[in-house]
């Protein structure tokens, strides 16, 4: 692999920028009329174009939909786990719908596609190259793309960076990706767990922070799975390309409530953080206002706080926010920022 390719693949730029730069470098070595890199998003379960140099939109739509599901050339690559294939490498390909109904009307007379697969077998997406001259892509062009496709897959793997973030911040935690609809998708099981968290629980956790538009947007919440307490850290993620479905990460580990805080004190602290008065807290938890006040006072002593405001601040820094309270639609009617 040349130094120029190495620089592009090793860059810290966005996925879109690296994909465009990769096509620029490739165009200087393998002449083409159009080229594109499409990313497989396993969360949204769709292909997304991250770099398109010269393809009309109808062709890109075809490449990301019908082509992936029905084209015999692509199906052959998938079944045989082969490298790049050109039209002329596949018997009778010029008579298929892709050529007669899509590529030829768009002005192309030859083409190549390759699946991008990582060393561990993770499918990351596709690269496409089409030409208006049937002499191209050449045999050397095929060798060039095959030499690059694994490294490209490693860099464009949708889940690579989320997994790296999870490993850096919480090596033993169970890691979940949360999409823009508030649904969670398992990235890593985590050393502390024998199995993934129960589906309804993880869905509730994801919705509570990402799906409900919570006012506080806490960095961490506490949940109980029926046997132990869970500490859930929430990390928002910026969009890496247009149409990115990843909204954030959830890193889950087992951890008892700190400083001797009780479950009831956790609930009271969460409502206090929303600015609810003792009377409002009492109404929500079906306790007296005096009892609510006592819970706040007891929590303040345990957290070493001198007043209600510093108590709430300390609770937030410890991640002492009840996920169940966040998820309660009745609480949502009265909660407001502190």
Protein backbone atom coordinates (compact mmCIF):
# COMPACT_ATOMS: atom_id res chain seq x y z
CA UNK A 1 0.00 0.00 0.00
CA UNK A 2 1.44 3.38 -0.94
CA UNK A 3 2.19 6.18 1.47
CA UNK A 4 -0.66 8.27 0.06
CA UNK A 5 -3.20 5.56 0.82
CA UNK A 6 -1.68 5.13 4.28
CA UNK A 7 -2.08 8.83 5.01
CA UNK A 8 -5.76 8.77 4.03
CA UNK A 9 -6.58 5.59 5.93
CA UNK A 10 -4.68 6.72 9.01
CA UNK A 11 -6.27 10.16 9.10
CA UNK A 12 -8.43 11.29 12.02
CA UNK A 13 -10.80 13.08 9.63
CA UNK A 14 -14.48 12.16 9.42
CA UNK A 15 -15.63 9.02 7.63
CA UNK A 16 -16.98 11.12 4.74
CA UNK A 17 -13.72 13.04 4.33
CA UNK A 18 -11.60 9.89 4.34
CA UNK A 19 -13.91 8.16 1.85
CA UNK A 20 -13.77 11.13 -0.56
CA UNK A 21 -9.99 11.35 -0.27
CA UNK A 22 -9.69 7.63 -0.89
CA UNK A 23 -11.67 7.95 -4.12
CA UNK A 24 -9.48 10.91 -5.16
CA UNK A 25 -6.32 8.84 -4.68
CA UNK A 26 -7.86 5.84 -6.44
CA UNK A 27 -8.93 7.99 -9.41
CA UNK A 28 -5.32 9.00 -9.94
CA UNK A 29 -4.32 5.35 -10.26
CA UNK A 30 -7.39 3.65 -11.76
CA UNK A 31 -9.20 5.80 -14.39
CA UNK A 32 -12.98 5.78 -14.01
CA UNK A 33 -16.11 7.68 -14.96
CA UNK A 34 -17.69 7.29 -11.52
CA UNK A 35 -16.83 5.80 -8.16
CA UNK A 36 -18.50 5.55 -4.77
CA UNK A 37 -18.06 4.15 -1.27
CA UNK A 38 -21.15 3.02 0.61
CA UNK A 39 -21.23 2.24 4.32
CA UNK A 40 -23.30 -0.56 5.86
CA UNK A 41 -25.12 0.77 8.92
CA UNK A 42 -25.96 -2.31 11.05
CA UNK A 43 -28.07 -0.23 13.43
CA UNK A 44 -30.43 1.21 10.81
CA UNK A 45 -29.78 -1.88 8.62
CA UNK A 46 -29.24 0.11 5.45
CA UNK A 47 -26.46 1.18 3.10
CA UNK A 48 -25.50 4.85 3.17
CA UNK A 49 -23.44 6.63 0.50
CA UNK A 50 -20.52 8.37 2.19
CA UNK A 51 -18.66 9.38 -0.98
CA UNK A 52 -20.01 9.65 -4.54
CA UNK A 53 -17.84 10.86 -7.41
CA UNK A 54 -19.94 11.03 -10.56
CA UNK A 55 -22.86 8.65 -10.15
CA UNK A 56 -26.37 9.99 -10.86
CA UNK A 57 -28.69 9.67 -7.89
CA UNK A 58 -30.83 6.87 -9.46
CA UNK A 59 -27.70 4.75 -9.87
CA UNK A 60 -26.71 5.29 -6.24
CA UNK A 61 -30.21 4.35 -5.10
CA UNK A 62 -29.94 1.17 -7.15
CA UNK A 63 -26.50 0.32 -5.74
CA UNK A 64 -27.72 0.74 -2.16
CA UNK A 65 -30.96 -1.21 -2.54
CA UNK A 66 -31.82 -3.62 -5.39
CA UNK A 67 -28.19 -4.28 -6.28
CA UNK A 68 -27.30 -5.36 -2.72
CA UNK A 69 -30.32 -7.63 -2.42
CA UNK A 70 -30.72 -9.13 -5.91
CA UNK A 71 -27.75 -8.54 -8.20
CA UNK A 72 -26.08 -11.86 -9.17
CA UNK A 73 -22.56 -10.34 -9.19
CA UNK A 74 -22.92 -9.02 -5.67
CA UNK A 75 -24.53 -12.26 -4.52
CA UNK A 76 -21.61 -14.22 -5.95
CA UNK A 77 -19.11 -12.05 -4.07
CA UNK A 78 -21.06 -12.56 -0.84
CA UNK A 79 -21.39 -16.33 -1.19
CA UNK A 80 -17.79 -16.91 -2.28
CA UNK A 81 -16.31 -14.14 -0.09
CA UNK A 82 -14.39 -13.08 -3.17
CA UNK A 83 -12.62 -9.86 -4.03
CA UNK A 84 -13.62 -7.25 -6.60
CA UNK A 85 -15.54 -8.44 -9.65
CA UNK A 86 -16.03 -6.71 -13.02
CA UNK A 87 -18.86 -7.21 -15.44
CA UNK A 88 -16.60 -9.25 -17.73
CA UNK A 89 -15.60 -11.50 -14.82
CA UNK A 90 -19.17 -12.71 -14.44
CA UNK A 91 -20.90 -14.83 -17.15
CA UNK A 92 -23.78 -13.13 -18.98
CA UNK A 93 -23.71 -10.17 -16.60
CA UNK A 94 -24.34 -7.70 -19.43
CA UNK A 95 -27.82 -9.14 -19.83
CA UNK A 96 -28.85 -8.48 -16.21
CA UNK A 97 -31.18 -5.75 -15.03
CA UNK A 98 -28.37 -3.80 -13.37
CA UNK A 99 -26.63 -3.33 -16.72
CA UNK A 100 -29.56 -3.04 -19.12
CA UNK A 101 -31.88 -1.10 -16.82
CA UNK A 102 -29.49 1.08 -14.81
CA UNK A 103 -25.80 1.24 -15.77
CA UNK A 104 -26.04 1.37 -19.59
CA UNK A 105 -28.78 4.06 -19.61
CA UNK A 106 -26.51 6.09 -17.30
CA UNK A 107 -23.67 5.92 -19.86
CA UNK A 108 -21.47 3.19 -18.36
CA UNK A 109 -19.95 0.34 -20.39
CA UNK A 110 -18.00 -1.54 -17.72
CA UNK A 111 -17.87 -1.63 -13.94
CA UNK A 112 -16.47 -3.15 -10.79
CA UNK A 113 -17.80 -3.69 -7.29
CA UNK A 114 -16.17 -5.01 -4.14
CA UNK A 115 -17.43 -5.86 -0.68
CA UNK A 116 -15.48 -4.27 2.19
CA UNK A 117 -14.96 -6.90 4.90
CA UNK A 118 -12.71 -6.60 7.97
CA UNK A 119 -10.18 -9.23 9.08
CA UNK A 120 -12.68 -10.63 11.60
CA UNK A 121 -15.36 -10.96 8.89
CA UNK A 122 -17.40 -7.84 9.68
CA UNK A 123 -19.12 -6.48 6.58
CA UNK A 124 -18.50 -2.72 6.41
CA UNK A 125 -19.88 -1.69 3.01
CA UNK A 126 -19.03 -1.53 -0.68
CA UNK A 127 -16.89 0.28 -3.21
CA UNK A 128 -18.08 0.73 -6.80
CA UNK A 129 -16.18 1.88 -9.89
CA UNK A 130 -17.78 2.34 -13.32
CA UNK A 131 -16.31 3.40 -16.67
CA UNK A 132 -17.61 4.50 -20.07
CA UNK A 133 -14.71 2.64 -21.71
CA UNK A 134 -15.04 -1.18 -21.68
CA UNK A 135 -11.24 -1.53 -21.36
CA UNK A 136 -11.42 -0.33 -17.77
CA UNK A 137 -11.14 -1.25 -14.94
CA UNK A 138 -8.00 -3.16 -15.88
CA UNK A 139 -6.53 -6.23 -14.22
CA UNK A 140 -4.12 -3.93 -12.39
CA UNK A 141 -7.06 -1.85 -11.14
CA UNK A 142 -8.65 -4.96 -9.69
CA UNK A 143 -5.40 -5.82 -7.90
CA UNK A 144 -5.19 -2.23 -6.62
CA UNK A 145 -8.69 -2.32 -5.12
CA UNK A 146 -8.30 -5.80 -3.67
CA UNK A 147 -5.12 -4.67 -1.93
CA UNK A 148 -7.05 -1.83 -0.30
CA UNK A 149 -10.46 -3.22 0.50
CA UNK A 150 -9.61 -4.84 3.86
CA UNK A 151 -7.87 -1.73 5.16
CA UNK A 152 -10.77 0.38 3.92
CA UNK A 153 -13.21 -1.92 5.72
CA UNK A 154 -11.29 -1.57 8.99
CA UNK A 155 -11.46 2.22 8.78
CA UNK A 156 -15.09 2.45 7.63
CA UNK A 157 -16.55 -0.21 9.93
CA UNK A 158 -19.58 1.56 11.39
CA UNK A 159 -19.11 0.17 14.89
CA UNK A 160 -15.31 0.42 15.11
CA UNK A 161 -15.07 3.83 16.74
CA UNK A 162 -18.02 3.30 19.12
CA UNK A 163 -16.36 0.07 20.26
CA UNK A 164 -13.05 1.91 20.70
CA UNK A 165 -14.75 4.60 22.80
CA UNK A 166 -16.39 1.92 24.94
CA UNK A 167 -13.10 0.11 25.43
CA UNK A 168 -11.29 3.32 26.39
CA UNK A 169 -13.89 4.67 28.84
CA UNK A 170 -15.19 1.45 30.41
CA UNK A 171 -13.23 -1.66 29.43
CA UNK A 172 -15.48 -4.12 31.28
CA UNK A 173 -18.83 -2.49 30.60
CA UNK A 174 -21.65 -3.76 28.44
CA UNK A 175 -21.79 -1.32 25.50
CA UNK A 176 -24.91 -0.36 23.56
CA UNK A 177 -25.35 1.91 20.56
CA UNK A 178 -28.51 4.04 20.60
CA UNK A 179 -30.01 5.17 17.31
CA UNK A 180 -31.88 8.36 16.51
CA UNK A 181 -35.20 6.63 17.27
CA UNK A 182 -34.09 5.70 20.80
CA UNK A 183 -33.55 1.98 20.09
CA UNK A 184 -30.50 0.23 21.55
CA UNK A 185 -28.20 -2.25 19.79
CA UNK A 186 -25.59 -4.36 21.57
CA UNK A 187 -21.97 -3.56 20.67
CA UNK A 188 -20.15 -5.56 23.35
CA UNK A 189 -21.27 -7.93 26.12
CA UNK A 190 -18.82 -6.78 28.80
CA UNK A 191 -16.80 -8.88 31.26
CA UNK A 192 -19.25 -8.26 34.14
CA UNK A 193 -22.18 -9.89 32.34
CA UNK A 194 -22.98 -13.45 31.33
CA UNK A 195 -25.65 -12.27 28.90
CA UNK A 196 -27.07 -9.12 27.38
CA UNK A 197 -29.41 -7.10 29.58
CA UNK A 198 -33.07 -8.01 29.32
CA UNK A 199 -34.58 -6.47 26.19
CA UNK A 200 -37.36 -4.51 27.85
CA UNK A 201 -34.99 -3.04 30.44
CA UNK A 202 -32.43 -1.83 27.91
CA UNK A 203 -35.22 -0.38 25.77
CA UNK A 204 -36.53 1.54 28.80
CA UNK A 205 -33.05 2.84 29.60
CA UNK A 206 -32.51 4.04 26.03
CA UNK A 207 -35.89 5.74 25.81
CA UNK A 208 -35.56 7.42 29.20
CA UNK A 209 -32.55 9.48 28.21
CA UNK A 210 -32.54 9.56 24.41
CA UNK A 211 -36.15 9.11 23.45
CA UNK A 212 -38.04 11.29 25.89
CA UNK A 213 -36.05 14.52 25.52
CA UNK A 214 -35.30 14.64 29.24
CA UNK A 215 -34.57 18.14 30.56
CA UNK A 216 -31.57 17.17 32.64
CA UNK A 217 -29.69 15.01 30.15
CA UNK A 218 -27.70 13.36 32.97
CA UNK A 219 -24.32 11.86 32.16
CA UNK A 220 -25.24 8.74 34.13
CA UNK A 221 -28.31 7.05 35.59
CA UNK A 222 -28.95 4.23 38.04
CA UNK A 223 -31.21 1.24 37.40
CA UNK A 224 -32.00 -2.02 39.16
CA UNK A 225 -32.29 -5.17 37.05
CA UNK A 226 -33.97 -7.21 39.78
CA UNK A 227 -30.75 -8.57 41.24
CA UNK A 228 -28.28 -5.67 41.41
CA UNK A 229 -27.81 -1.98 40.71
CA UNK A 230 -26.58 -0.82 37.32
CA UNK A 231 -24.56 2.31 36.61
CA UNK A 232 -25.34 3.51 33.08
CA UNK A 233 -23.14 6.15 31.49
CA UNK A 234 -24.65 8.06 28.57
CA UNK A 235 -22.42 9.49 25.83
CA UNK A 236 -23.80 11.62 23.01
CA UNK A 237 -22.07 11.17 19.65
CA UNK A 238 -21.78 13.79 16.89
CA UNK A 239 -22.91 12.77 13.42
CA UNK A 240 -20.05 11.23 11.44
CA UNK A 241 -21.75 11.59 8.07
CA UNK A 242 -25.08 12.77 6.70
CA UNK A 243 -27.80 10.35 7.73
CA UNK A 244 -25.80 8.85 10.61
CA UNK A 245 -28.24 6.84 12.71
CA UNK A 246 -25.99 6.68 15.78
CA UNK A 247 -27.29 9.03 18.49
CA UNK A 248 -25.20 7.91 21.44
CA UNK A 249 -23.61 5.15 23.48
CA UNK A 250 -24.64 3.54 26.76
CA UNK A 251 -21.95 1.92 28.90
CA UNK A 252 -23.44 -0.33 31.59
CA UNK A 253 -21.69 -1.85 34.58
CA UNK A 254 -22.78 -3.29 37.90
CA UNK A 255 -22.24 -0.93 40.84
CA UNK A 256 -23.97 -0.49 44.20
CA UNK A 257 -25.28 2.95 45.12
CA UNK A 258 -22.38 4.95 46.63
CA UNK A 259 -22.13 6.66 50.05
CA UNK A 260 -24.87 4.49 51.54
CA UNK A 261 -27.59 6.20 49.48
CA UNK A 262 -30.84 4.22 49.59
CA UNK A 263 -33.22 3.54 46.70
CA UNK A 264 -35.80 5.96 48.15
CA UNK A 265 -33.16 8.67 48.58
CA UNK A 266 -32.15 8.12 44.97
CA UNK A 267 -35.73 8.78 43.84
CA UNK A 268 -35.99 11.90 46.00
CA UNK A 269 -32.65 13.25 44.78
CA UNK A 270 -33.72 12.79 41.16
CA UNK A 271 -36.96 14.70 41.67
CA UNK A 272 -35.11 17.41 43.61
CA UNK A 273 -32.70 17.76 40.70
CA UNK A 274 -35.70 18.59 38.51
CA UNK A 275 -36.54 21.41 40.90
CA UNK A 276 -39.56 19.76 42.52
CA UNK A 277 -40.45 20.97 46.00
CA UNK A 278 -40.86 18.62 48.95
CA UNK A 279 -44.63 18.81 48.50
CA UNK A 280 -44.35 17.86 44.82
CA UNK A 281 -41.91 15.06 45.62
CA UNK A 282 -44.25 13.77 48.31
CA UNK A 283 -47.18 13.73 45.88
CA UNK A 284 -45.21 11.75 43.30
CA UNK A 285 -43.81 9.21 45.73
CA UNK A 286 -46.91 8.93 47.95
CA UNK A 287 -45.05 10.03 51.07
CA UNK A 288 -45.40 13.07 53.34
CA UNK A 289 -43.59 16.33 52.61
CA UNK A 290 -41.81 15.94 55.96
CA UNK A 291 -40.53 12.51 54.92
CA UNK A 292 -39.39 13.88 51.57
CA UNK A 293 -37.46 16.60 53.40
CA UNK A 294 -35.85 14.05 55.71
CA UNK A 295 -34.68 12.02 52.70
CA UNK A 296 -33.04 15.10 51.21
CA UNK A 297 -31.39 15.95 54.52
CA UNK A 298 -30.11 12.39 55.01
CA UNK A 299 -28.71 12.30 51.47
CA UNK A 300 -27.00 15.65 52.02
CA UNK A 301 -25.22 14.31 55.10
CA UNK A 302 -24.08 11.19 53.23
CA UNK A 303 -22.80 13.27 50.30
CA UNK A 304 -21.13 15.85 52.50
CA UNK A 305 -23.34 18.67 51.18
CA UNK A 306 -24.20 21.79 53.17
CA UNK A 307 -27.51 22.69 51.48
CA UNK A 308 -30.11 21.41 49.03
CA UNK A 309 -28.44 22.91 45.95
CA UNK A 310 -25.02 21.43 46.72
CA UNK A 311 -26.69 18.12 47.58
CA UNK A 312 -28.33 17.99 44.15
CA UNK A 313 -25.06 19.01 42.48
CA UNK A 314 -23.15 16.26 44.29
CA UNK A 315 -25.81 13.72 43.38
CA UNK A 316 -25.52 14.61 39.70
CA UNK A 317 -21.72 14.32 39.81
CA UNK A 318 -22.06 10.84 41.34
CA UNK A 319 -24.59 9.85 38.69
CA UNK A 320 -27.25 9.49 41.38
CA UNK A 321 -30.19 9.84 39.01
CA UNK A 322 -32.96 7.26 39.07
CA UNK A 323 -33.64 5.94 35.59
CA UNK A 324 -37.05 4.68 36.65
CA UNK A 325 -38.02 8.19 37.74
CA UNK A 326 -36.84 9.60 34.39
CA UNK A 327 -38.93 7.02 32.57
CA UNK A 328 -42.10 7.70 34.60
CA UNK A 329 -44.52 9.64 32.35
CA UNK A 330 -46.33 11.01 35.42
CA UNK A 331 -43.13 12.66 36.62
CA UNK A 332 -42.65 14.20 33.19
CA UNK A 333 -45.75 16.32 33.75
CA UNK A 334 -44.15 18.35 36.53
CA UNK A 335 -40.42 18.01 36.18
CA UNK A 336 -38.45 21.11 35.25
CA UNK A 337 -34.75 22.04 35.34
CA UNK A 338 -33.28 22.96 38.71
